[in-house]
C-alpha atoms as a PDB file:
ATOM      1  CA  ARG A   1     127.885 123.130 154.673  1.00  0.00           C
ATOM      2  CA  ILE A   2     125.464 124.573 157.230  1.00  0.00           C
ATOM      3  CA  ILE A   3     128.043 127.213 158.205  1.00  0.00           C
ATOM      4  CA  ILE A   4     128.350 128.263 154.561  1.00  0.00           C
ATOM      5  CA  ILE A   5     124.578 128.617 154.195  1.00  0.00           C
ATOM      6  CA  CYS A   6     124.195 130.529 157.479  1.00  0.00           C
ATOM      7  CA  THR A   7     126.942 132.923 156.434  1.00  0.00           C
ATOM      8  CA  TRP A   8     125.439 133.247 152.975  1.00  0.00           C
ATOM      9  CA  LEU A   9     121.964 134.084 154.234  1.00  0.00           C
ATOM     10  CA  CYS A  10     123.215 136.434 156.971  1.00  0.00           C
ATOM     11  CA  VAL A  11     125.605 138.368 154.730  1.00  0.00           C
ATOM     12  CA  ALA A  12     123.392 138.534 151.643  1.00  0.00           C
ATOM     13  CA  PRO A  13     120.629 140.887 152.874  1.00  0.00           C
ATOM     14  CA  LYS A  14     123.148 143.447 154.177  1.00  0.00           C
ATOM     15  CA  MET A  15     125.020 143.878 150.903  1.00  0.00           C
ATOM     16  CA  ASP A  16     124.190 146.010 147.891  1.00  0.00           C
ATOM     17  CA  ALA A  17     123.348 143.829 144.877  1.00  0.00           C
ATOM     18  CA  ARG A  18     124.483 146.522 142.468  1.00  0.00           C
ATOM     19  CA  LYS A  19     128.121 145.998 143.436  1.00  0.00           C
ATOM     20  CA  ALA A  20     130.163 143.338 141.670  1.00  0.00           C
ATOM     21  CA  TYR A  21     131.738 142.277 144.975  1.00  0.00           C
ATOM     22  CA  TYR A  22     128.338 141.258 146.309  1.00  0.00           C
ATOM     23  CA  ARG A  23     127.563 139.134 143.256  1.00  0.00           C
ATOM     24  CA  PHE A  24     130.927 137.359 143.538  1.00  0.00           C
ATOM     25  CA  VAL A  25     130.334 136.596 147.226  1.00  0.00           C
ATOM     26  CA  ILE A  26     126.980 135.002 146.385  1.00  0.00           C
ATOM     27  CA  LEU A  27     128.567 133.095 143.500  1.00  0.00           C
ATOM     28  CA  PHE A  28     131.360 131.851 145.776  1.00  0.00           C
ATOM     29  CA  PHE A  29     128.919 130.513 148.362  1.00  0.00           C
ATOM     30  CA  ASN A  30     126.802 128.856 145.698  1.00  0.00           C
ATOM     31  CA  CYS A  31     129.913 127.171 144.254  1.00  0.00           C
ATOM     32  CA  ALA A  32     130.997 126.048 147.732  1.00  0.00           C
ATOM     33  CA  LEU A  33     127.547 124.592 148.293  1.00  0.00           C
ATOM     34  CA  THR A  34     127.745 122.646 145.038  1.00  0.00           C
ATOM     35  CA  PHE A  35     131.289 121.439 145.780  1.00  0.00           C
ATOM     36  CA  GLY A  36     130.282 120.190 149.240  1.00  0.00           C
ATOM     37  CA  SER A  37     127.244 118.469 147.815  1.00  0.00           C
ATOM     38  CA  TYR A  38     129.199 116.500 145.231  1.00  0.00           C
ATOM     39  CA  TYR A  39     132.018 115.786 147.677  1.00  0.00           C
ATOM     40  CA  CYS A  40     129.592 114.085 150.051  1.00  0.00           C
ATOM     41  CA  PHE A  41     127.882 112.291 147.165  1.00  0.00           C
ATOM     42  CA  ASP A  42     131.147 110.669 146.048  1.00  0.00           C
ATOM     43  CA  MET A  43     132.308 109.638 149.531  1.00  0.00           C
ATOM     44  CA  PRO A  44     131.673 105.903 148.950  1.00  0.00           C
ATOM     45  CA  SER A  45     133.620 105.823 145.676  1.00  0.00           C
ATOM     46  CA  VAL A  46     136.860 106.747 147.431  1.00  0.00           C
ATOM     47  CA  LEU A  47     136.413 103.919 149.913  1.00  0.00           C
ATOM     48  CA  GLN A  48     135.190 101.253 147.476  1.00  0.00           C
ATOM     49  CA  THR A  49     138.151  98.916 147.903  1.00  0.00           C
ATOM     50  CA  GLN A  50     138.010  99.196 151.696  1.00  0.00           C
ATOM     51  CA  MET A  51     134.252  98.613 151.684  1.00  0.00           C
ATOM     52  CA  GLU A  52     134.413  95.562 149.446  1.00  0.00           C
ATOM     53  CA  SER A  53     137.508  93.885 150.912  1.00  0.00           C
ATOM     54  CA  LYS A  54     137.513  91.638 153.954  1.00  0.00           C
ATOM     55  CA  LYS A  55     141.266  91.525 154.629  1.00  0.00           C
ATOM     56  CA  ASN A  56     141.271  92.745 158.204  1.00  0.00           C
ATOM     57  CA  GLY A  57     138.698  93.447 160.878  1.00  0.00           C
ATOM     58  CA  ASN A  58     138.233  97.106 159.851  1.00  0.00           C
ATOM     59  CA  ASP A  59     136.978  96.455 156.301  1.00  0.00           C
ATOM     60  CA  LEU A  60     133.255  95.976 155.670  1.00  0.00           C
ATOM     61  CA  GLY A  61     133.297  93.151 153.120  1.00  0.00           C
ATOM     62  CA  LEU A  62     130.385  94.457 151.042  1.00  0.00           C
ATOM     63  CA  SER A  63     129.440  92.658 147.859  1.00  0.00           C
ATOM     64  CA  GLY A  64     129.324  94.539 144.560  1.00  0.00           C
ATOM     65  CA  THR A  65     125.523  94.543 144.758  1.00  0.00           C
ATOM     66  CA  GLN A  66     125.544  96.048 148.234  1.00  0.00           C
ATOM     67  CA  TYR A  67     128.053  98.697 147.191  1.00  0.00           C
ATOM     68  CA  ASN A  68     125.970  99.676 144.152  1.00  0.00           C
ATOM     69  CA  LEU A  69     122.849  99.751 146.314  1.00  0.00           C
ATOM     70  CA  LEU A  70     124.417 102.679 148.195  1.00  0.00           C
ATOM     71  CA  TYR A  71     124.211 104.695 144.966  1.00  0.00           C
ATOM     72  CA  ALA A  72     120.879 103.268 143.832  1.00  0.00           C
ATOM     73  CA  ILE A  73     119.055 104.216 147.026  1.00  0.00           C
ATOM     74  CA  TYR A  74     120.500 107.722 146.759  1.00  0.00           C
ATOM     75  CA  ALA A  75     119.425 108.081 143.127  1.00  0.00           C
ATOM     76  CA  TRP A  76     115.856 106.842 143.581  1.00  0.00           C
ATOM     77  CA  THR A  77     115.258 108.922 146.686  1.00  0.00           C
ATOM     78  CA  ASN A  78     116.773 111.933 144.985  1.00  0.00           C
ATOM     79  CA  ALA A  79     114.586 111.502 141.904  1.00  0.00           C
ATOM     80  CA  LEU A  80     111.372 111.232 143.908  1.00  0.00           C
ATOM     81  CA  MET A  81     112.128 113.939 146.454  1.00  0.00           C
ATOM     82  CA  VAL A  82     112.904 116.629 143.884  1.00  0.00           C
ATOM     83  CA  LEU A  83     109.245 116.654 142.840  1.00  0.00           C
ATOM     84  CA  ILE A  84     108.062 117.135 146.413  1.00  0.00           C
ATOM     85  CA  ALA A  85     110.817 119.652 147.181  1.00  0.00           C
ATOM     86  CA  GLY A  86     109.634 122.010 144.454  1.00  0.00           C
ATOM     87  CA  PHE A  87     106.276 122.343 146.159  1.00  0.00           C
ATOM     88  CA  MET A  88     107.924 122.704 149.582  1.00  0.00           C
ATOM     89  CA  ILE A  89     110.179 125.509 148.362  1.00  0.00           C
ATOM     90  CA  ASP A  90     107.196 127.315 146.829  1.00  0.00           C
ATOM     91  CA  LYS A  91     105.217 127.044 150.069  1.00  0.00           C
ATOM     92  CA  LEU A  92     107.938 127.563 152.695  1.00  0.00           C
ATOM     93  CA  GLY A  93     110.408 129.784 150.840  1.00  0.00           C
ATOM     94  CA  ASN A  94     113.873 129.401 149.384  1.00  0.00           C
ATOM     95  CA  SER A  95     115.816 130.184 152.550  1.00  0.00           C
ATOM     96  CA  PHE A  96     113.922 127.659 154.657  1.00  0.00           C
ATOM     97  CA  GLY A  97     114.303 125.052 151.918  1.00  0.00           C
ATOM     98  CA  LEU A  98     118.029 125.706 151.752  1.00  0.00           C
ATOM     99  CA  PHE A  99     118.396 125.207 155.517  1.00  0.00           C
ATOM    100  CA  LEU A 100     116.175 122.101 155.576  1.00  0.00           C
ATOM    101  CA  PHE A 101     117.818 120.337 152.649  1.00  0.00           C
ATOM    102  CA  SER A 102     121.307 121.241 153.821  1.00  0.00           C
ATOM    103  CA  PHE A 103     120.517 119.829 157.253  1.00  0.00           C
ATOM    104  CA  MET A 104     119.272 116.622 155.640  1.00  0.00           C
ATOM    105  CA  CYS A 105     122.521 116.322 153.654  1.00  0.00           C
ATOM    106  CA  VAL A 106     124.661 116.803 156.751  1.00  0.00           C
ATOM    107  CA  LEU A 107     122.524 114.373 158.757  1.00  0.00           C
ATOM    108  CA  GLY A 108     122.618 111.771 155.988  1.00  0.00           C
ATOM    109  CA  SER A 109     126.393 112.054 155.661  1.00  0.00           C
ATOM    110  CA  ALA A 110     126.809 111.695 159.422  1.00  0.00           C
ATOM    111  CA  VAL A 111     124.529 108.640 159.579  1.00  0.00           C
ATOM    112  CA  PHE A 112     126.407 107.077 156.660  1.00  0.00           C
ATOM    113  CA  ALA A 113     129.750 107.700 158.383  1.00  0.00           C
ATOM    114  CA  LEU A 114     128.453 106.170 161.618  1.00  0.00           C
ATOM    115  CA  GLY A 115     127.212 103.129 159.731  1.00  0.00           C
ATOM    116  CA  ALA A 116     130.598 102.708 158.053  1.00  0.00           C
ATOM    117  CA  THR A 117     132.415 103.171 161.365  1.00  0.00           C
ATOM    118  CA  PHE A 118     130.370 100.502 163.129  1.00  0.00           C
ATOM    119  CA  GLY A 119     130.158  98.212 160.085  1.00  0.00           C
ATOM    120  CA  SER A 120     126.369  98.368 159.775  1.00  0.00           C
ATOM    121  CA  PHE A 121     125.198  98.225 156.176  1.00  0.00           C
ATOM    122  CA  PRO A 122     121.515  99.067 156.974  1.00  0.00           C
ATOM    123  CA  VAL A 123     122.642 102.229 158.809  1.00  0.00           C
ATOM    124  CA  MET A 124     124.798 103.157 155.817  1.00  0.00           C
ATOM    125  CA  LEU A 125     121.754 102.718 153.555  1.00  0.00           C
ATOM    126  CA  LEU A 126     119.670 104.877 155.874  1.00  0.00           C
ATOM    127  CA  GLY A 127     122.326 107.586 155.700  1.00  0.00           C
ATOM    128  CA  ARG A 128     122.348 107.501 151.897  1.00  0.00           C
ATOM    129  CA  LEU A 129     118.522 107.618 151.899  1.00  0.00           C
ATOM    130  CA  ILE A 130     118.505 110.740 154.079  1.00  0.00           C
ATOM    131  CA  PHE A 131     121.316 112.282 152.039  1.00  0.00           C
ATOM    132  CA  GLY A 132     119.484 111.591 148.778  1.00  0.00           C
ATOM    133  CA  THR A 133     116.379 113.222 150.177  1.00  0.00           C
ATOM    134  CA  GLY A 134     118.208 116.491 150.740  1.00  0.00           C
ATOM    135  CA  ASN A 135     120.924 116.641 148.086  1.00  0.00           C
ATOM    136  CA  GLY A 136     118.938 116.908 144.854  1.00  0.00           C
ATOM    137  CA  SER A 137     116.581 119.397 146.429  1.00  0.00           C
ATOM    138  CA  LEU A 138     119.532 121.406 147.712  1.00  0.00           C
ATOM    139  CA  THR A 139     121.028 121.494 144.236  1.00  0.00           C
ATOM    140  CA  GLY A 140     117.761 123.003 143.017  1.00  0.00           C
ATOM    141  CA  ALA A 141     117.332 125.459 145.902  1.00  0.00           C
ATOM    142  CA  GLY A 142     120.806 127.061 145.664  1.00  0.00           C
ATOM    143  CA  PRO A 143     120.306 128.688 142.251  1.00  0.00           C
ATOM    144  CA  LEU A 144     116.861 129.911 143.335  1.00  0.00           C
ATOM    145  CA  VAL A 145     118.425 131.863 146.182  1.00  0.00           C
ATOM    146  CA  VAL A 146     121.024 133.298 143.796  1.00  0.00           C
ATOM    147  CA  TYR A 147     118.220 134.316 141.464  1.00  0.00           C
ATOM    148  CA  ASP A 148     116.197 135.923 144.249  1.00  0.00           C
ATOM    149  CA  VAL A 149     119.086 137.773 145.817  1.00  0.00           C
ATOM    150  CA  VAL A 150     121.061 138.933 142.800  1.00  0.00           C
ATOM    151  CA  VAL A 151     118.919 138.929 139.672  1.00  0.00           C
ATOM    152  CA  VAL A 152     115.657 140.189 141.174  1.00  0.00           C
ATOM    153  CA  SER A 153     117.364 142.935 143.179  1.00  0.00           C
ATOM    154  CA  LEU A 154     119.275 144.069 140.084  1.00  0.00           C
ATOM    155  CA  MET A 155     116.084 144.039 138.004  1.00  0.00           C
ATOM    156  CA  CYS A 156     114.276 146.077 140.658  1.00  0.00           C
ATOM    157  CA  HIS A 157     117.146 148.542 140.868  1.00  0.00           C
ATOM    158  CA  TYR A 158     117.416 149.144 137.135  1.00  0.00           C
ATOM    159  CA  SER A 159     113.666 149.315 136.629  1.00  0.00           C
ATOM    160  CA  GLY A 160     113.304 151.877 139.409  1.00  0.00           C
ATOM    161  CA  ALA A 161     111.100 149.679 141.621  1.00  0.00           C
ATOM    162  CA  GLU A 162     112.953 149.385 144.933  1.00  0.00           C
END
């Protein structure tokens, strides 16, 4: 996900927003960002049976409450952080917000994976907490960058204000 954002922000300023190709490149990267975000969000659902079963030494043996807590901690953190993220994006800028929130998503996913690998439920919760902090804010920051790069540059071009 970080590679996609770095490419997006490095390629975007060098392209002409009046060309359709440019707008499709930005749209592609925004779609890839959204796909990656939801892919990481739904990681636990694919492994639900392995997380809840205790058949062999590799399964975690989580209860239904513990499994649902992985989603609850994500949702509550996500709901609270979006309010703070709006102010951060206004103060620090869209590009910085995109990097910061993307980094938090990658870090949260990595911490969650480490917790699942070592069978530590508190580490898995910490990973989902970090991921929830960045994911909702990232979902809000992506369209802002698209708006800034494509819509504003097209409006400036057609109004004559370069």
